[in-house]
Amino acid sequence: MTAHAPEVPSAPNRRRAVAPKRRKKIGAKARSNMLLGYLILIGLALIYIYPFLISISGSLKTDAEATQDALGLIPQTITFAAYERLFTREPFALWAGNSMLVAVCVTVGRVLFDSMAGYALSRLRFRGRTVIFAAFIAVLSVPGVVLLIPRFLILSELGLYDTYGGMIIPLLSTAAGVFIMKQFFDSIPESIEEAAKIDGAGTFRRFWSVVLPMATPALVTIFILSFQGSWNELGHFIVARQSPELNTLTVGVAQLVSGQLGAGKQFPLQLAAAVLMSIPVVVLFFIFQRRIMNTTAGAEKG
């Protein structure tokens, strides 16, 4: 008798022979926990979004309707009169221009100076480095309002009071920004700079060409926090200037809300100013939201 070779199953048969993978079933308890988590997140989102929706709705109402039904989300009569008054009766464009000028200068300055200071504290070995870093940490615990009067006195003595320089220069660097950059640079191995050092690159060249490009996540974080902080700054601008020509959006909107500009009961006007003021920060956040990082993570991947 002739022995027959065992049949080799064809490709389709082999696929059938493989046992199908069982899908991991989610238990009823896990589903309920997941549903509860989503409900909590939705509730928190509504709590944060609701005031902004009230601002948008209120800015489209008439003065009488905004006074009678302040929390209603659907205006009975939609009108853009409040936005028109902002640009015709109030110097809103001037406020916005001053805020943009200050925010751009402060943001560029913080990104540059905070990264340089953070690199120096992370890489350079000099006497007193630990004491300086401890001083930065101590500054983080000091409330900003405590420094307003000393800042006013310093600006007055230096002749910077009521100038753009007095509004910008004190904000060009922050202890928090230096701390973030220092911690990020610490997470980058120093061996990465060895090749550049062998090629004769100096300290600034290694910082600018080698390490700084790897710190993009931290720089984006500093960029967002700096723009948002300088755009929304109020206390410093109150003590750094007095001329109406130097008013920023925060100062101007605060004057509208307080009634100093004759808008005490004009809630749509005040809400319209608040809505327009928040647009640049909202747009910036949505553009860079994926780049906001954990300041101690990410460098090791580079």
Protein backbone atom coordinates (compact mmCIF):
# COMPACT_ATOMS: atom_id res chain seq x y z
CA MET A 1 0.00 0.00 0.00
CA THR A 2 1.19 3.44 -0.89
CA ALA A 3 1.36 5.86 2.04
CA HIS A 4 -0.42 9.09 1.38
CA ALA A 5 1.09 12.36 2.62
CA PRO A 6 -1.09 14.19 5.10
CA GLU A 7 -3.18 16.84 3.50
CA VAL A 8 -2.01 20.39 4.14
CA PRO A 9 -4.96 22.66 4.67
CA SER A 10 -5.25 25.49 2.20
CA ALA A 11 -4.95 29.10 3.29
CA PRO A 12 -8.70 29.60 3.74
CA ASN A 13 -8.91 26.36 5.75
CA ARG A 14 -6.01 27.45 7.92
CA ARG A 15 -7.81 30.71 8.66
CA ARG A 16 -10.88 28.75 9.71
CA ALA A 17 -8.79 26.48 11.89
CA VAL A 18 -7.54 29.41 13.97
CA ALA A 19 -9.82 29.93 16.91
CA PRO A 20 -11.44 33.35 16.81
CA LYS A 21 -10.24 35.77 19.43
CA ARG A 22 -12.70 36.34 22.15
CA ARG A 23 -13.62 39.93 22.72
CA LYS A 24 -13.11 41.04 26.21
CA LYS A 25 -16.51 41.72 27.63
CA ILE A 26 -17.00 44.69 29.90
CA GLY A 27 -18.83 43.79 33.05
CA ALA A 28 -21.94 45.57 34.20
CA LYS A 29 -20.07 47.19 37.10
CA ALA A 30 -17.36 48.53 34.79
CA ARG A 31 -20.00 49.95 32.44
CA SER A 32 -21.80 51.69 35.27
CA ASN A 33 -18.53 53.17 36.54
CA MET A 34 -17.67 54.38 33.03
CA LEU A 35 -21.13 55.90 32.61
CA LEU A 36 -20.84 57.61 35.99
CA GLY A 37 -17.45 59.02 35.01
CA TYR A 38 -18.81 60.43 31.76
CA LEU A 39 -21.77 61.99 33.57
CA ILE A 40 -19.43 63.67 36.05
CA LEU A 41 -17.24 65.01 33.23
CA ILE A 42 -20.28 66.31 31.34
CA GLY A 43 -21.56 67.99 34.50
CA LEU A 44 -18.21 69.68 35.14
CA ALA A 45 -18.02 70.80 31.51
CA LEU A 46 -21.47 72.36 31.74
CA ILE A 47 -20.52 74.16 34.95
CA TYR A 48 -17.51 75.75 33.23
CA ILE A 49 -19.23 76.46 29.90
CA TYR A 50 -22.50 77.85 31.28
CA PRO A 51 -21.10 81.27 32.34
CA PHE A 52 -19.52 81.70 28.91
CA LEU A 53 -22.83 80.85 27.22
CA ILE A 54 -24.57 83.42 29.44
CA SER A 55 -21.99 86.02 28.34
CA ILE A 56 -22.60 85.31 24.65
CA SER A 57 -26.37 85.30 25.07
CA GLY A 58 -26.40 88.43 27.24
CA SER A 59 -24.26 90.36 24.78
CA LEU A 60 -26.94 89.81 22.11
CA LYS A 61 -29.82 91.10 24.27
CA THR A 62 -31.22 94.56 24.75
CA ASP A 63 -30.41 96.41 27.98
CA ALA A 64 -33.93 95.93 29.31
CA GLU A 65 -34.04 92.20 28.55
CA ALA A 66 -30.57 91.61 30.02
CA THR A 67 -31.69 93.30 33.25
CA GLN A 68 -34.97 91.37 33.51
CA ASP A 69 -33.72 87.94 32.35
CA ALA A 70 -30.00 87.87 33.01
CA LEU A 71 -29.61 84.06 32.99
CA GLY A 72 -31.71 83.27 29.92
CA LEU A 73 -29.74 81.58 27.14
CA ILE A 74 -32.09 82.44 24.27
CA PRO A 75 -32.55 86.17 23.60
CA GLN A 76 -36.04 87.24 22.65
CA THR A 77 -34.60 89.88 20.34
CA ILE A 78 -31.10 89.36 18.93
CA THR A 79 -29.21 92.60 18.49
CA PHE A 80 -25.56 93.49 17.91
CA ALA A 81 -25.96 97.00 19.30
CA ALA A 82 -23.60 96.27 22.20
CA TYR A 83 -20.76 95.29 19.86
CA GLU A 84 -21.40 98.37 17.72
CA ARG A 85 -21.23 100.63 20.80
CA LEU A 86 -17.90 99.08 21.82
CA PHE A 87 -16.21 100.28 18.63
CA THR A 88 -18.08 103.57 18.19
CA ARG A 89 -18.47 104.95 21.71
CA GLU A 90 -15.70 103.17 23.62
CA PRO A 91 -11.97 102.98 22.71
CA PHE A 92 -12.14 99.19 22.49
CA ALA A 93 -9.75 99.02 19.52
CA LEU A 94 -7.15 101.01 21.50
CA TRP A 95 -7.51 98.67 24.47
CA ALA A 96 -7.14 95.63 22.24
CA GLY A 97 -4.06 97.08 20.52
CA ASN A 98 -2.37 97.83 23.85
CA SER A 99 -3.16 94.36 25.17
CA MET A 100 -1.82 92.69 22.02
CA LEU A 101 1.39 94.75 22.09
CA VAL A 102 2.04 93.94 25.74
CA ALA A 103 1.09 90.27 25.38
CA VAL A 104 3.33 89.68 22.35
CA CYS A 105 6.36 91.43 23.90
CA VAL A 106 5.91 89.68 27.25
CA THR A 107 5.43 86.27 25.61
CA VAL A 108 8.55 86.56 23.47
CA GLY A 109 10.55 87.84 26.44
CA ARG A 110 9.43 85.06 28.76
CA VAL A 111 10.12 82.32 26.24
CA LEU A 112 13.64 83.68 25.69
CA PHE A 113 14.68 84.71 29.20
CA ASP A 114 12.99 81.85 31.07
CA SER A 115 14.62 79.27 28.79
CA MET A 116 18.05 80.90 29.14
CA ALA A 117 17.78 81.11 32.92
CA GLY A 118 16.48 77.55 33.14
CA TYR A 119 19.38 76.27 31.03
CA ALA A 120 21.91 78.16 33.17
CA LEU A 121 20.53 76.67 36.38
CA SER A 122 20.42 73.21 34.83
CA ARG A 123 23.77 73.02 33.05
CA LEU A 124 26.19 75.66 34.30
CA ARG A 125 28.20 74.95 37.43
CA PHE A 126 28.78 78.12 39.43
CA ARG A 127 28.91 79.10 43.08
CA GLY A 128 25.53 79.91 44.59
CA ARG A 129 23.49 78.08 41.96
CA THR A 130 21.54 76.15 44.60
CA VAL A 131 20.82 79.34 46.56
CA ILE A 132 19.54 81.11 43.43
CA PHE A 133 17.27 78.20 42.54
CA ALA A 134 15.96 78.13 46.12
CA ALA A 135 15.20 81.85 45.80
CA PHE A 136 13.14 81.15 42.68
CA ILE A 137 11.19 78.50 44.58
CA ALA A 138 10.62 80.95 47.43
CA VAL A 139 9.28 83.59 45.03
CA LEU A 140 6.66 81.10 43.83
CA SER A 141 5.13 81.09 47.30
CA VAL A 142 4.77 84.91 47.46
CA PRO A 143 1.33 86.24 46.40
CA GLY A 144 1.60 88.61 43.45
CA VAL A 145 -0.47 91.31 45.17
CA VAL A 146 2.25 91.67 47.82
CA LEU A 147 4.69 92.87 45.14
CA LEU A 148 2.44 95.52 43.60
CA ILE A 149 3.46 98.43 45.86
CA PRO A 150 7.23 97.72 45.67
CA ARG A 151 6.84 97.39 41.90
CA PHE A 152 5.11 100.78 41.74
CA LEU A 153 7.90 102.42 43.77
CA ILE A 154 10.62 100.87 41.58
CA LEU A 155 8.92 101.98 38.36
CA SER A 156 8.54 105.50 39.73
CA GLU A 157 12.20 105.72 40.73
CA LEU A 158 13.38 104.43 37.34
CA GLY A 159 11.12 106.78 35.39
CA LEU A 160 9.17 103.92 33.84
CA TYR A 161 5.82 104.70 35.41
CA ASP A 162 3.00 105.31 32.92
CA THR A 163 5.02 104.00 29.95
CA TYR A 164 4.88 100.89 27.80
CA GLY A 165 8.26 99.93 29.22
CA GLY A 166 6.88 99.97 32.75
CA MET A 167 4.02 97.75 31.66
CA ILE A 168 6.21 95.22 29.81
CA ILE A 169 9.65 94.99 31.45
CA PRO A 170 8.56 93.70 34.92
CA LEU A 171 6.65 90.86 33.23
CA LEU A 172 9.44 89.65 30.95
CA SER A 173 10.38 86.75 33.22
CA THR A 174 8.68 84.71 35.92
CA ALA A 175 9.95 82.31 38.56
CA ALA A 176 7.40 79.72 37.45
CA GLY A 177 8.68 79.83 33.87
CA VAL A 178 12.30 79.46 34.96
CA PHE A 179 11.32 76.52 37.17
CA ILE A 180 9.48 74.77 34.31
CA MET A 181 12.39 75.18 31.90
CA LYS A 182 14.97 74.13 34.47
CA GLN A 183 13.07 70.93 35.27
CA PHE A 184 12.70 70.11 31.58
CA PHE A 185 16.39 70.69 30.82
CA ASP A 186 17.28 68.45 33.76
CA SER A 187 15.40 65.60 32.05
CA ILE A 188 17.57 65.92 28.90
CA PRO A 189 20.77 63.83 29.19
CA GLU A 190 23.94 65.93 29.13
CA SER A 191 25.54 63.36 26.85
CA ILE A 192 23.49 64.78 23.97
CA GLU A 193 25.65 67.92 24.08
CA GLU A 194 28.97 66.07 24.11
CA ALA A 195 29.30 65.90 20.32
CA ALA A 196 28.68 69.62 19.97
CA LYS A 197 31.17 70.32 22.76
CA ILE A 198 33.83 68.21 21.01
CA ASP A 199 33.22 70.17 17.80
CA GLY A 200 34.01 73.36 19.70
CA ALA A 201 30.48 74.70 20.23
CA GLY A 202 30.23 77.20 23.06
CA THR A 203 27.64 77.26 25.82
CA PHE A 204 25.17 79.49 23.99
CA ARG A 205 25.57 77.54 20.73
CA ARG A 206 24.83 74.25 22.52
CA PHE A 207 21.83 75.83 24.20
CA TRP A 208 20.46 77.41 21.02
CA SER A 209 21.19 74.69 18.46
CA VAL A 210 21.10 71.44 20.42
CA VAL A 211 19.05 71.63 23.60
CA LEU A 212 16.47 74.33 22.84
CA PRO A 213 14.96 72.52 19.80
CA MET A 214 14.41 69.48 22.02
CA ALA A 215 12.53 71.63 24.54
CA THR A 216 9.67 72.45 22.18
CA PRO A 217 6.97 70.99 24.49
CA ALA A 218 8.17 73.14 27.40
CA LEU A 219 8.46 76.21 25.16
CA VAL A 220 4.89 75.74 23.94
CA THR A 221 3.73 75.53 27.55
CA ILE A 222 5.60 78.73 28.46
CA PHE A 223 4.20 80.40 25.33
CA ILE A 224 0.59 79.59 26.20
CA LEU A 225 0.90 80.46 29.90
CA SER A 226 2.76 83.70 29.14
CA PHE A 227 0.27 84.94 26.57
CA GLN A 228 -2.70 84.02 28.71
CA GLY A 229 -1.18 85.54 31.84
CA SER A 230 -0.14 88.84 30.23
CA TRP A 231 -3.42 89.13 28.28
CA ASN A 232 -5.46 88.71 31.49
CA GLU A 233 -3.13 90.73 33.75
CA LEU A 234 -4.86 93.47 35.72
CA GLY A 235 -3.11 94.24 39.00
CA HIS A 236 0.23 95.17 37.44
CA PHE A 237 -1.39 97.44 34.84
CA ILE A 238 -3.29 99.29 37.56
CA VAL A 239 -0.08 100.28 39.37
CA ALA A 240 2.11 100.70 36.26
CA ARG A 241 0.05 103.31 34.37
CA GLN A 242 -2.56 106.01 34.76
CA SER A 243 -3.05 107.47 31.27
CA PRO A 244 -6.24 106.31 29.48
CA GLU A 245 -4.16 105.94 26.31
CA LEU A 246 -2.33 103.03 27.95
CA ASN A 247 -5.42 101.15 29.07
CA THR A 248 -5.47 97.47 28.23
CA LEU A 249 -8.53 95.31 27.74
CA THR A 250 -8.52 94.16 31.35
CA VAL A 251 -8.41 97.74 32.64
CA GLY A 252 -11.00 98.95 30.16
CA VAL A 253 -13.43 96.09 30.81
CA ALA A 254 -12.97 96.56 34.56
CA GLN A 255 -13.91 100.23 34.16
CA LEU A 256 -16.99 99.24 32.14
CA VAL A 257 -18.07 96.76 34.81
CA SER A 258 -17.50 99.23 37.65
CA GLY A 259 -19.53 101.91 35.87
CA GLN A 260 -16.66 104.41 35.62
CA LEU A 261 -17.37 104.90 31.91
CA GLY A 262 -21.11 105.37 32.34
CA ALA A 263 -21.97 101.74 31.60
CA GLY A 264 -23.19 100.73 35.04
CA LYS A 265 -26.44 99.08 33.93
CA GLN A 266 -25.45 98.28 30.34
CA PHE A 267 -24.91 94.58 30.86
CA PRO A 268 -24.84 93.67 27.12
CA LEU A 269 -22.03 96.15 26.57
CA GLN A 270 -20.00 94.69 29.43
CA LEU A 271 -20.65 91.11 28.33
CA ALA A 272 -19.78 91.89 24.71
CA ALA A 273 -16.43 93.29 25.83
CA ALA A 274 -15.79 90.17 27.94
CA VAL A 275 -16.66 87.86 25.01
CA LEU A 276 -14.37 89.66 22.57
CA MET A 277 -11.59 89.75 25.15
CA SER A 278 -11.70 85.98 25.65
CA ILE A 279 -11.56 85.05 21.94
CA PRO A 280 -7.73 85.25 21.44
CA VAL A 281 -7.05 83.07 24.49
CA VAL A 282 -9.69 80.51 23.45
CA VAL A 283 -8.31 80.33 19.91
CA LEU A 284 -4.74 79.98 21.19
CA PHE A 285 -5.73 77.18 23.55
CA PHE A 286 -7.55 75.19 20.86
CA ILE A 287 -4.60 75.53 18.48
CA PHE A 288 -2.02 74.33 20.99
CA GLN A 289 -4.10 72.13 23.29
CA ARG A 290 -2.39 68.96 22.04
CA ARG A 291 1.02 70.44 22.79
CA ILE A 292 0.41 71.25 26.45
CA MET A 293 2.78 68.95 28.22
CA ASN A 294 3.81 67.45 31.49
CA THR A 295 6.89 69.54 32.27
CA THR A 296 8.88 66.59 33.57
CA ALA A 297 8.04 64.22 30.71
CA GLY A 298 8.76 64.15 27.04
CA ALA A 299 12.44 65.03 26.95
CA GLU A 300 13.53 61.45 27.51
CA LYS A 301 11.74 60.46 24.30
CA GLY A 302 14.04 62.80 22.39
